[in-house]
Amino acid sequence: MLGIGADLWHENTMTATATDLGLNAARTARFPAVDLARGIAIVGMAVYHFSWDLAYFGLAAFDLLGDPFWLAFRAVVLSAFLLLVGVSHVLAQRRGFATRPFLRRLGLIAASAAAITAASYVAFPQTFIFFGVLHCIALSSLLLLGVARLPSIAIAVIAVACFAAPEMIDAPFFDNAWLVWLGLATWTPASNDFVPLLPWFGMVAAGVVLGRVLAAKQAVLRWQWQGASSNALQWAGRHSLIVYLLHQPVLFGSLYAVVAFAGPT
């Protein structure tokens, strides 16, 4: 359902280590509050995915596609991740745009998205992920190159337009399989993770506006909740892409082994 890429916009570690993907020595310190928020969102993502797995194996009767609670739960978690993409973009670029780190991050996100498409096609050919959250983040990253240069009021207008577009436009022209990723089609494709550009780029754009507000409030960004649980959440927030790529295979594989051994009772 969900994925991660926002952490790749917030490569602000103090030293060049294995965790910063071999990029140049970082320019500023990371912001604990951002890592913590992303870590909390990851927990929500894992809960949703585990619930999906339980329903898939017949171990629970969750209606993730029809129950208002689960629909809202998914929307909130997905919104948090995409909002953080915009926020982290602002924080990472506030001292100037760095081309090579940007391209490396974009390449890693795009490669991860392609890997998910290939793996999901093998596992679920009828509902494979052709435009999930990582695909949306990769494309949004390119769009941000132009959008993030605009005044905040203009970006806010773009965000509102993105939110409104799917409600105002649903033309058969966009039903073409090559255009359905825009989110303007009259039908919703069968996919285990469909995150169309519209309205979701609106959340990324809103994140840019929020990021500009937060950039002026360093105390908020550097706030840190002390404790082991906070450290764990921040760690997950700093490594969110790898957590995303690994957690679902682990959860799904574990339940598969349980069901294979004990039966679906």
C-alpha atoms as a PDB file:
ATOM      1  CA  MET A   1       0.000   0.000   0.000  1.00  0.00           C
ATOM      2  CA  LEU A   2       2.577   2.516   1.015  1.00  0.00           C
ATOM      3  CA  GLY A   3       6.155   3.236   0.424  1.00  0.00           C
ATOM      4  CA  ILE A   4       8.955   5.572   1.397  1.00  0.00           C
ATOM      5  CA  GLY A   5      11.163   8.034  -0.351  1.00  0.00           C
ATOM      6  CA  ALA A   6      10.980  11.112   1.800  1.00  0.00           C
ATOM      7  CA  ASP A   7      14.078  10.143   3.733  1.00  0.00           C
ATOM      8  CA  LEU A   8      16.095  10.434   0.540  1.00  0.00           C
ATOM      9  CA  TRP A   9      15.218  14.124   0.438  1.00  0.00           C
ATOM     10  CA  HIS A  10      16.540  14.584   3.948  1.00  0.00           C
ATOM     11  CA  GLU A  11      20.092  13.305   3.674  1.00  0.00           C
ATOM     12  CA  ASN A  12      21.479  15.578   6.354  1.00  0.00           C
ATOM     13  CA  THR A  13      23.780  13.323   8.353  1.00  0.00           C
ATOM     14  CA  MET A  14      26.800  14.998   9.954  1.00  0.00           C
ATOM     15  CA  THR A  15      29.364  12.681   8.398  1.00  0.00           C
ATOM     16  CA  ALA A  16      29.602  10.554   5.286  1.00  0.00           C
ATOM     17  CA  THR A  17      28.680   7.049   6.399  1.00  0.00           C
ATOM     18  CA  ALA A  18      27.141   3.983   4.829  1.00  0.00           C
ATOM     19  CA  THR A  19      23.692   5.283   5.708  1.00  0.00           C
ATOM     20  CA  ASP A  20      23.943   8.331   3.502  1.00  0.00           C
ATOM     21  CA  LEU A  21      24.252   6.132   0.416  1.00  0.00           C
ATOM     22  CA  GLY A  22      27.760   7.274  -0.398  1.00  0.00           C
ATOM     23  CA  LEU A  23      26.728  10.848  -1.026  1.00  0.00           C
ATOM     24  CA  ASN A  24      28.874  13.845  -0.267  1.00  0.00           C
ATOM     25  CA  ALA A  25      29.547  14.742   3.362  1.00  0.00           C
ATOM     26  CA  ALA A  26      26.356  16.177   4.707  1.00  0.00           C
ATOM     27  CA  ARG A  27      25.772  19.861   4.855  1.00  0.00           C
ATOM     28  CA  THR A  28      23.615  20.087   7.975  1.00  0.00           C
ATOM     29  CA  ALA A  29      22.445  17.987  10.886  1.00  0.00           C
ATOM     30  CA  ARG A  30      19.339  15.876  10.578  1.00  0.00           C
ATOM     31  CA  PHE A  31      16.177  17.083  12.214  1.00  0.00           C
ATOM     32  CA  PRO A  32      14.948  14.632  14.885  1.00  0.00           C
ATOM     33  CA  ALA A  33      11.331  15.754  14.602  1.00  0.00           C
ATOM     34  CA  VAL A  34      11.229  14.911  10.890  1.00  0.00           C
ATOM     35  CA  ASP A  35      12.801  11.489  11.411  1.00  0.00           C
ATOM     36  CA  LEU A  36      10.401  10.826  14.272  1.00  0.00           C
ATOM     37  CA  ALA A  37       7.365  11.802  12.195  1.00  0.00           C
ATOM     38  CA  ARG A  38       8.508   9.558   9.370  1.00  0.00           C
ATOM     39  CA  GLY A  39       9.141   6.710  11.795  1.00  0.00           C
ATOM     40  CA  ILE A  40       5.614   7.009  13.199  1.00  0.00           C
ATOM     41  CA  ALA A  41       4.252   6.932   9.653  1.00  0.00           C
ATOM     42  CA  ILE A  42       6.259   3.768   9.000  1.00  0.00           C
ATOM     43  CA  VAL A  43       4.605   2.079  11.970  1.00  0.00           C
ATOM     44  CA  GLY A  44       1.222   2.992  10.489  1.00  0.00           C
ATOM     45  CA  MET A  45       2.307   1.582   7.134  1.00  0.00           C
ATOM     46  CA  ALA A  46       3.422  -1.686   8.725  1.00  0.00           C
ATOM     47  CA  VAL A  47       0.118  -2.001  10.598  1.00  0.00           C
ATOM     48  CA  TYR A  48      -1.804  -1.546   7.354  1.00  0.00           C
ATOM     49  CA  HIS A  49       0.329  -4.031   5.459  1.00  0.00           C
ATOM     50  CA  PHE A  50       0.139  -6.621   8.227  1.00  0.00           C
ATOM     51  CA  SER A  51      -3.643  -6.225   8.305  1.00  0.00           C
ATOM     52  CA  TRP A  52      -3.718  -6.737   4.532  1.00  0.00           C
ATOM     53  CA  ASP A  53      -1.622  -9.883   4.913  1.00  0.00           C
ATOM     54  CA  LEU A  54      -3.909 -11.254   7.638  1.00  0.00           C
ATOM     55  CA  ALA A  55      -6.954 -10.692   5.433  1.00  0.00           C
ATOM     56  CA  TYR A  56      -5.227 -12.210   2.411  1.00  0.00           C
ATOM     57  CA  PHE A  57      -4.481 -15.440   4.268  1.00  0.00           C
ATOM     58  CA  GLY A  58      -7.959 -15.578   5.766  1.00  0.00           C
ATOM     59  CA  LEU A  59      -6.736 -14.970   9.301  1.00  0.00           C
ATOM     60  CA  ALA A  60      -8.821 -11.817   9.778  1.00  0.00           C
ATOM     61  CA  ALA A  61     -11.952 -10.317   8.247  1.00  0.00           C
ATOM     62  CA  PHE A  62     -10.612  -6.833   7.566  1.00  0.00           C
ATOM     63  CA  ASP A  63     -12.279  -5.035   4.649  1.00  0.00           C
ATOM     64  CA  LEU A  64      -9.448  -2.742   3.656  1.00  0.00           C
ATOM     65  CA  LEU A  65     -11.100  -1.671   0.411  1.00  0.00           C
ATOM     66  CA  GLY A  66     -14.552  -0.927   1.769  1.00  0.00           C
ATOM     67  CA  ASP A  67     -14.406  -0.174   5.478  1.00  0.00           C
ATOM     68  CA  PRO A  68     -14.315   3.622   6.047  1.00  0.00           C
ATOM     69  CA  PHE A  69     -11.887   3.140   8.922  1.00  0.00           C
ATOM     70  CA  TRP A  70      -9.292   1.370   6.778  1.00  0.00           C
ATOM     71  CA  LEU A  71      -9.800   3.739   3.860  1.00  0.00           C
ATOM     72  CA  ALA A  72      -9.187   6.685   6.200  1.00  0.00           C
ATOM     73  CA  PHE A  73      -6.241   4.922   7.844  1.00  0.00           C
ATOM     74  CA  ARG A  74      -4.538   4.406   4.498  1.00  0.00           C
ATOM     75  CA  ALA A  75      -5.220   7.983   3.416  1.00  0.00           C
ATOM     76  CA  VAL A  76      -3.743   9.414   6.628  1.00  0.00           C
ATOM     77  CA  VAL A  77      -0.570   7.326   6.482  1.00  0.00           C
ATOM     78  CA  LEU A  78      -0.058   7.936   2.764  1.00  0.00           C
ATOM     79  CA  SER A  79      -0.671  11.662   3.251  1.00  0.00           C
ATOM     80  CA  ALA A  80       1.951  11.759   6.007  1.00  0.00           C
ATOM     81  CA  PHE A  81       4.602  10.191   3.787  1.00  0.00           C
ATOM     82  CA  LEU A  82       3.936  12.420   0.795  1.00  0.00           C
ATOM     83  CA  LEU A  83       3.716  15.534   2.953  1.00  0.00           C
ATOM     84  CA  LEU A  84       7.159  14.660   4.328  1.00  0.00           C
ATOM     85  CA  VAL A  85       8.512  14.369   0.785  1.00  0.00           C
ATOM     86  CA  GLY A  86       7.765  18.049   0.279  1.00  0.00           C
ATOM     87  CA  VAL A  87       8.991  19.063   3.730  1.00  0.00           C
ATOM     88  CA  SER A  88      12.240  17.152   3.375  1.00  0.00           C
ATOM     89  CA  HIS A  89      12.851  18.574  -0.093  1.00  0.00           C
ATOM     90  CA  VAL A  90      12.764  22.092   1.307  1.00  0.00           C
ATOM     91  CA  LEU A  91      15.030  21.226   4.238  1.00  0.00           C
ATOM     92  CA  ALA A  92      17.540  19.373   2.082  1.00  0.00           C
ATOM     93  CA  GLN A  93      17.786  22.141  -0.517  1.00  0.00           C
ATOM     94  CA  ARG A  94      17.722  25.206   1.705  1.00  0.00           C
ATOM     95  CA  ARG A  95      21.480  25.745   1.212  1.00  0.00           C
ATOM     96  CA  GLY A  96      21.340  25.254  -2.514  1.00  0.00           C
ATOM     97  CA  PHE A  97      20.469  22.535  -4.996  1.00  0.00           C
ATOM     98  CA  ALA A  98      22.972  19.655  -5.227  1.00  0.00           C
ATOM     99  CA  THR A  99      22.617  17.931  -8.601  1.00  0.00           C
ATOM    100  CA  ARG A 100      24.541  14.708  -8.011  1.00  0.00           C
ATOM    101  CA  PRO A 101      22.889  13.785  -4.685  1.00  0.00           C
ATOM    102  CA  PHE A 102      19.491  14.579  -6.210  1.00  0.00           C
ATOM    103  CA  LEU A 103      20.107  12.304  -9.199  1.00  0.00           C
ATOM    104  CA  ARG A 104      21.422   9.515  -6.999  1.00  0.00           C
ATOM    105  CA  ARG A 105      18.411   9.683  -4.740  1.00  0.00           C
ATOM    106  CA  LEU A 106      16.040   9.851  -7.694  1.00  0.00           C
ATOM    107  CA  GLY A 107      17.776   6.894  -9.323  1.00  0.00           C
ATOM    108  CA  LEU A 108      17.504   4.824  -6.164  1.00  0.00           C
ATOM    109  CA  ILE A 109      13.803   5.600  -5.775  1.00  0.00           C
ATOM    110  CA  ALA A 110      13.112   4.843  -9.450  1.00  0.00           C
ATOM    111  CA  ALA A 111      15.074   1.587  -9.320  1.00  0.00           C
ATOM    112  CA  SER A 112      13.185   0.552  -6.172  1.00  0.00           C
ATOM    113  CA  ALA A 113       9.874   1.354  -7.849  1.00  0.00           C
ATOM    114  CA  ALA A 114      10.839  -0.746 -10.878  1.00  0.00           C
ATOM    115  CA  ALA A 115      11.846  -3.632  -8.624  1.00  0.00           C
ATOM    116  CA  ILE A 116       8.489  -3.489  -6.854  1.00  0.00           C
ATOM    117  CA  THR A 117       6.654  -3.543 -10.183  1.00  0.00           C
ATOM    118  CA  ALA A 118       8.611  -6.595 -11.311  1.00  0.00           C
ATOM    119  CA  ALA A 119       8.236  -8.472  -8.014  1.00  0.00           C
ATOM    120  CA  SER A 120       4.526  -7.703  -7.667  1.00  0.00           C
ATOM    121  CA  TYR A 121       3.896  -8.799 -11.270  1.00  0.00           C
ATOM    122  CA  VAL A 122       5.423 -12.172 -10.495  1.00  0.00           C
ATOM    123  CA  ALA A 123       3.489 -12.559  -7.230  1.00  0.00           C
ATOM    124  CA  PHE A 124       0.181 -10.914  -8.223  1.00  0.00           C
ATOM    125  CA  PRO A 125      -0.026 -10.613 -12.036  1.00  0.00           C
ATOM    126  CA  GLN A 126      -3.678  -9.511 -11.959  1.00  0.00           C
ATOM    127  CA  THR A 127      -3.137  -6.723  -9.423  1.00  0.00           C
ATOM    128  CA  PHE A 128       0.537  -5.850  -9.755  1.00  0.00           C
ATOM    129  CA  ILE A 129       1.837  -2.433  -8.709  1.00  0.00           C
ATOM    130  CA  PHE A 130       2.426  -0.348 -11.822  1.00  0.00           C
ATOM    131  CA  PHE A 131       2.155   3.096 -10.199  1.00  0.00           C
ATOM    132  CA  GLY A 132       2.509   2.883  -6.451  1.00  0.00           C
ATOM    133  CA  VAL A 133       3.823   5.324  -3.903  1.00  0.00           C
ATOM    134  CA  LEU A 134       7.465   5.094  -4.990  1.00  0.00           C
ATOM    135  CA  HIS A 135       6.485   5.698  -8.604  1.00  0.00           C
ATOM    136  CA  CYS A 136       4.485   8.717  -7.465  1.00  0.00           C
ATOM    137  CA  ILE A 137       7.407  10.007  -5.389  1.00  0.00           C
ATOM    138  CA  ALA A 138       9.866   9.609  -8.265  1.00  0.00           C
ATOM    139  CA  LEU A 139       7.676  11.597 -10.650  1.00  0.00           C
ATOM    140  CA  SER A 140       6.826  14.148  -7.964  1.00  0.00           C
ATOM    141  CA  SER A 141      10.541  14.627  -7.356  1.00  0.00           C
ATOM    142  CA  LEU A 142      11.009  15.732 -10.940  1.00  0.00           C
ATOM    143  CA  LEU A 143       8.007  18.046 -10.789  1.00  0.00           C
ATOM    144  CA  LEU A 144       9.358  19.612  -7.608  1.00  0.00           C
ATOM    145  CA  LEU A 145      12.356  20.917  -9.539  1.00  0.00           C
ATOM    146  CA  GLY A 146      10.064  23.508 -11.062  1.00  0.00           C
ATOM    147  CA  VAL A 147       7.301  23.813  -8.505  1.00  0.00           C
ATOM    148  CA  ALA A 148       9.576  24.356  -5.491  1.00  0.00           C
ATOM    149  CA  ARG A 149      10.952  27.543  -7.096  1.00  0.00           C
ATOM    150  CA  LEU A 150       7.547  29.237  -7.076  1.00  0.00           C
ATOM    151  CA  PRO A 151       6.176  31.543  -4.358  1.00  0.00           C
ATOM    152  CA  SER A 152       4.387  29.751  -1.541  1.00  0.00           C
ATOM    153  CA  ILE A 153       0.999  31.120  -2.539  1.00  0.00           C
ATOM    154  CA  ALA A 154       1.422  29.708  -6.052  1.00  0.00           C
ATOM    155  CA  ILE A 155       2.411  26.308  -4.674  1.00  0.00           C
ATOM    156  CA  ALA A 156      -0.627  26.342  -2.384  1.00  0.00           C
ATOM    157  CA  VAL A 157      -2.850  27.018  -5.404  1.00  0.00           C
ATOM    158  CA  ILE A 158      -1.225  24.087  -7.235  1.00  0.00           C
ATOM    159  CA  ALA A 159      -1.873  21.842  -4.238  1.00  0.00           C
ATOM    160  CA  VAL A 160      -5.557  22.817  -4.143  1.00  0.00           C
ATOM    161  CA  ALA A 161      -5.843  22.274  -7.904  1.00  0.00           C
ATOM    162  CA  CYS A 162      -4.343  18.792  -7.559  1.00  0.00           C
ATOM    163  CA  PHE A 163      -6.814  17.891  -4.823  1.00  0.00           C
ATOM    164  CA  ALA A 164      -9.747  19.174  -6.866  1.00  0.00           C
ATOM    165  CA  ALA A 165      -8.776  17.799 -10.284  1.00  0.00           C
ATOM    166  CA  PRO A 166      -9.978  14.183  -9.820  1.00  0.00           C
ATOM    167  CA  GLU A 167     -13.354  15.449  -8.590  1.00  0.00           C
ATOM    168  CA  MET A 168     -13.764  17.873 -11.472  1.00  0.00           C
ATOM    169  CA  ILE A 169     -12.240  15.874 -14.317  1.00  0.00           C
ATOM    170  CA  ASP A 170     -13.036  12.261 -15.149  1.00  0.00           C
ATOM    171  CA  ALA A 171     -12.987  12.138 -18.931  1.00  0.00           C
ATOM    172  CA  PRO A 172     -12.927   8.902 -20.964  1.00  0.00           C
ATOM    173  CA  PHE A 173      -9.820  10.265 -22.678  1.00  0.00           C
ATOM    174  CA  PHE A 174      -7.850   9.469 -19.524  1.00  0.00           C
ATOM    175  CA  ASP A 175      -9.133   5.877 -19.423  1.00  0.00           C
ATOM    176  CA  ASN A 176      -6.275   4.924 -21.707  1.00  0.00           C
ATOM    177  CA  ALA A 177      -3.937   2.512 -19.917  1.00  0.00           C
ATOM    178  CA  TRP A 178      -1.018   4.839 -20.611  1.00  0.00           C
ATOM    179  CA  LEU A 179      -2.742   7.756 -18.862  1.00  0.00           C
ATOM    180  CA  VAL A 180      -4.530   6.117 -15.949  1.00  0.00           C
ATOM    181  CA  TRP A 181      -1.598   6.930 -13.637  1.00  0.00           C
ATOM    182  CA  LEU A 182      -2.662  10.575 -13.782  1.00  0.00           C
ATOM    183  CA  GLY A 183      -5.695   9.788 -11.628  1.00  0.00           C
ATOM    184  CA  LEU A 184      -8.255  11.355 -13.969  1.00  0.00           C
ATOM    185  CA  ALA A 185      -9.761   8.168 -15.427  1.00  0.00           C
ATOM    186  CA  THR A 186     -13.386   7.166 -14.972  1.00  0.00           C
ATOM    187  CA  TRP A 187     -12.290   3.851 -13.431  1.00  0.00           C
ATOM    188  CA  THR A 188      -9.836   2.684 -10.796  1.00  0.00           C
ATOM    189  CA  PRO A 189      -7.363   0.044 -11.961  1.00  0.00           C
ATOM    190  CA  ALA A 190      -6.937  -3.181 -10.016  1.00  0.00           C
ATOM    191  CA  SER A 191      -3.622  -2.786  -8.207  1.00  0.00           C
ATOM    192  CA  ASN A 192      -2.316  -3.644  -4.763  1.00  0.00           C
ATOM    193  CA  ASP A 193      -0.929  -0.120  -4.456  1.00  0.00           C
ATOM    194  CA  PHE A 194      -2.269   2.590  -6.729  1.00  0.00           C
ATOM    195  CA  VAL A 195      -1.136   6.132  -5.891  1.00  0.00           C
ATOM    196  CA  PRO A 196      -1.974   8.330  -8.901  1.00  0.00           C
ATOM    197  CA  LEU A 197      -0.263  11.640  -9.453  1.00  0.00           C
ATOM    198  CA  LEU A 198      -3.560  13.428  -8.857  1.00  0.00           C
ATOM    199  CA  PRO A 199      -4.554  14.172  -6.196  1.00  0.00           C
ATOM    200  CA  TRP A 200      -1.423  12.975  -4.386  1.00  0.00           C
ATOM    201  CA  PHE A 201       1.043  15.464  -5.835  1.00  0.00           C
ATOM    202  CA  GLY A 202      -1.096  18.026  -4.050  1.00  0.00           C
ATOM    203  CA  MET A 203       0.090  16.581  -0.744  1.00  0.00           C
ATOM    204  CA  VAL A 204       3.728  16.830  -1.859  1.00  0.00           C
ATOM    205  CA  ALA A 205       3.185  20.454  -2.883  1.00  0.00           C
ATOM    206  CA  ALA A 206       1.518  21.172   0.459  1.00  0.00           C
ATOM    207  CA  GLY A 207       4.597  19.688   2.101  1.00  0.00           C
ATOM    208  CA  VAL A 208       6.764  22.272   0.367  1.00  0.00           C
ATOM    209  CA  VAL A 209       4.699  25.081   1.861  1.00  0.00           C
ATOM    210  CA  LEU A 210       4.827  23.441   5.272  1.00  0.00           C
ATOM    211  CA  GLY A 211       8.563  22.877   4.908  1.00  0.00           C
ATOM    212  CA  ARG A 212       9.122  26.593   4.336  1.00  0.00           C
ATOM    213  CA  VAL A 213       7.217  27.390   7.505  1.00  0.00           C
ATOM    214  CA  LEU A 214       9.163  24.802   9.512  1.00  0.00           C
ATOM    215  CA  ALA A 215      12.505  25.935   8.098  1.00  0.00           C
ATOM    216  CA  ALA A 216      11.996  29.201   9.937  1.00  0.00           C
ATOM    217  CA  LYS A 217      11.308  27.365  13.199  1.00  0.00           C
ATOM    218  CA  GLN A 218      14.486  25.425  13.908  1.00  0.00           C
ATOM    219  CA  ALA A 219      13.466  24.748  17.507  1.00  0.00           C
ATOM    220  CA  VAL A 220      10.455  22.747  16.322  1.00  0.00           C
ATOM    221  CA  LEU A 221      12.519  20.702  13.891  1.00  0.00           C
ATOM    222  CA  ARG A 222      15.156  19.931  16.506  1.00  0.00           C
ATOM    223  CA  TRP A 223      12.674  18.884  19.172  1.00  0.00           C
ATOM    224  CA  GLN A 224      13.395  15.349  20.278  1.00  0.00           C
ATOM    225  CA  TRP A 225      11.372  12.921  22.346  1.00  0.00           C
ATOM    226  CA  GLN A 226      13.780  11.059  24.576  1.00  0.00           C
ATOM    227  CA  GLY A 227      13.578   7.320  25.103  1.00  0.00           C
ATOM    228  CA  ALA A 228      14.231   3.959  23.480  1.00  0.00           C
ATOM    229  CA  SER A 229      10.993   4.044  21.499  1.00  0.00           C
ATOM    230  CA  SER A 230      11.881   7.458  20.100  1.00  0.00           C
ATOM    231  CA  ASN A 231      15.323   6.230  19.073  1.00  0.00           C
ATOM    232  CA  ALA A 232      13.779   3.242  17.330  1.00  0.00           C
ATOM    233  CA  LEU A 233      11.276   5.404  15.469  1.00  0.00           C
ATOM    234  CA  GLN A 234      13.961   7.863  14.410  1.00  0.00           C
ATOM    235  CA  TRP A 235      16.152   5.023  13.197  1.00  0.00           C
ATOM    236  CA  ALA A 236      13.264   3.721  11.100  1.00  0.00           C
ATOM    237  CA  GLY A 237      12.679   7.242   9.799  1.00  0.00           C
ATOM    238  CA  ARG A 238      16.309   7.575   8.741  1.00  0.00           C
ATOM    239  CA  HIS A 239      16.241   4.235   6.922  1.00  0.00           C
ATOM    240  CA  SER A 240      12.683   4.309   5.683  1.00  0.00           C
ATOM    241  CA  LEU A 241      13.337   3.160   2.121  1.00  0.00           C
ATOM    242  CA  ILE A 242      15.090  -0.033   3.151  1.00  0.00           C
ATOM    243  CA  VAL A 243      12.428  -0.635   5.812  1.00  0.00           C
ATOM    244  CA  TYR A 244       9.770  -0.283   3.134  1.00  0.00           C
ATOM    245  CA  LEU A 245      11.483  -2.644   0.746  1.00  0.00           C
ATOM    246  CA  LEU A 246      12.054  -5.355   3.354  1.00  0.00           C
ATOM    247  CA  HIS A 247       9.183  -5.244   5.834  1.00  0.00           C
ATOM    248  CA  GLN A 248       6.384  -6.570   3.606  1.00  0.00           C
ATOM    249  CA  PRO A 249       8.341  -9.576   2.273  1.00  0.00           C
ATOM    250  CA  VAL A 250       9.211 -10.433   5.879  1.00  0.00           C
ATOM    251  CA  LEU A 251       5.626 -10.053   7.141  1.00  0.00           C
ATOM    252  CA  PHE A 252       4.047 -11.811   4.170  1.00  0.00           C
ATOM    253  CA  GLY A 253       6.628 -14.588   4.165  1.00  0.00           C
ATOM    254  CA  SER A 254       6.235 -15.173   7.892  1.00  0.00           C
ATOM    255  CA  LEU A 255       2.458 -15.513   7.638  1.00  0.00           C
ATOM    256  CA  TYR A 256       2.823 -17.764   4.609  1.00  0.00           C
ATOM    257  CA  ALA A 257       5.081 -20.061   6.637  1.00  0.00           C
ATOM    258  CA  VAL A 258       2.641 -20.063   9.564  1.00  0.00           C
ATOM    259  CA  VAL A 259      -0.331 -20.910   7.350  1.00  0.00           C
ATOM    260  CA  ALA A 260       1.643 -23.571   5.472  1.00  0.00           C
ATOM    261  CA  PHE A 261       2.660 -25.200   8.743  1.00  0.00           C
ATOM    262  CA  ALA A 262      -0.489 -24.839  10.852  1.00  0.00           C
ATOM    263  CA  GLY A 263      -3.228 -24.349   8.312  1.00  0.00           C
ATOM    264  CA  PRO A 264      -5.545 -21.322   8.005  1.00  0.00           C
ATOM    265  CA  THR A 265      -7.310 -21.959  11.316  1.00  0.00           C
END
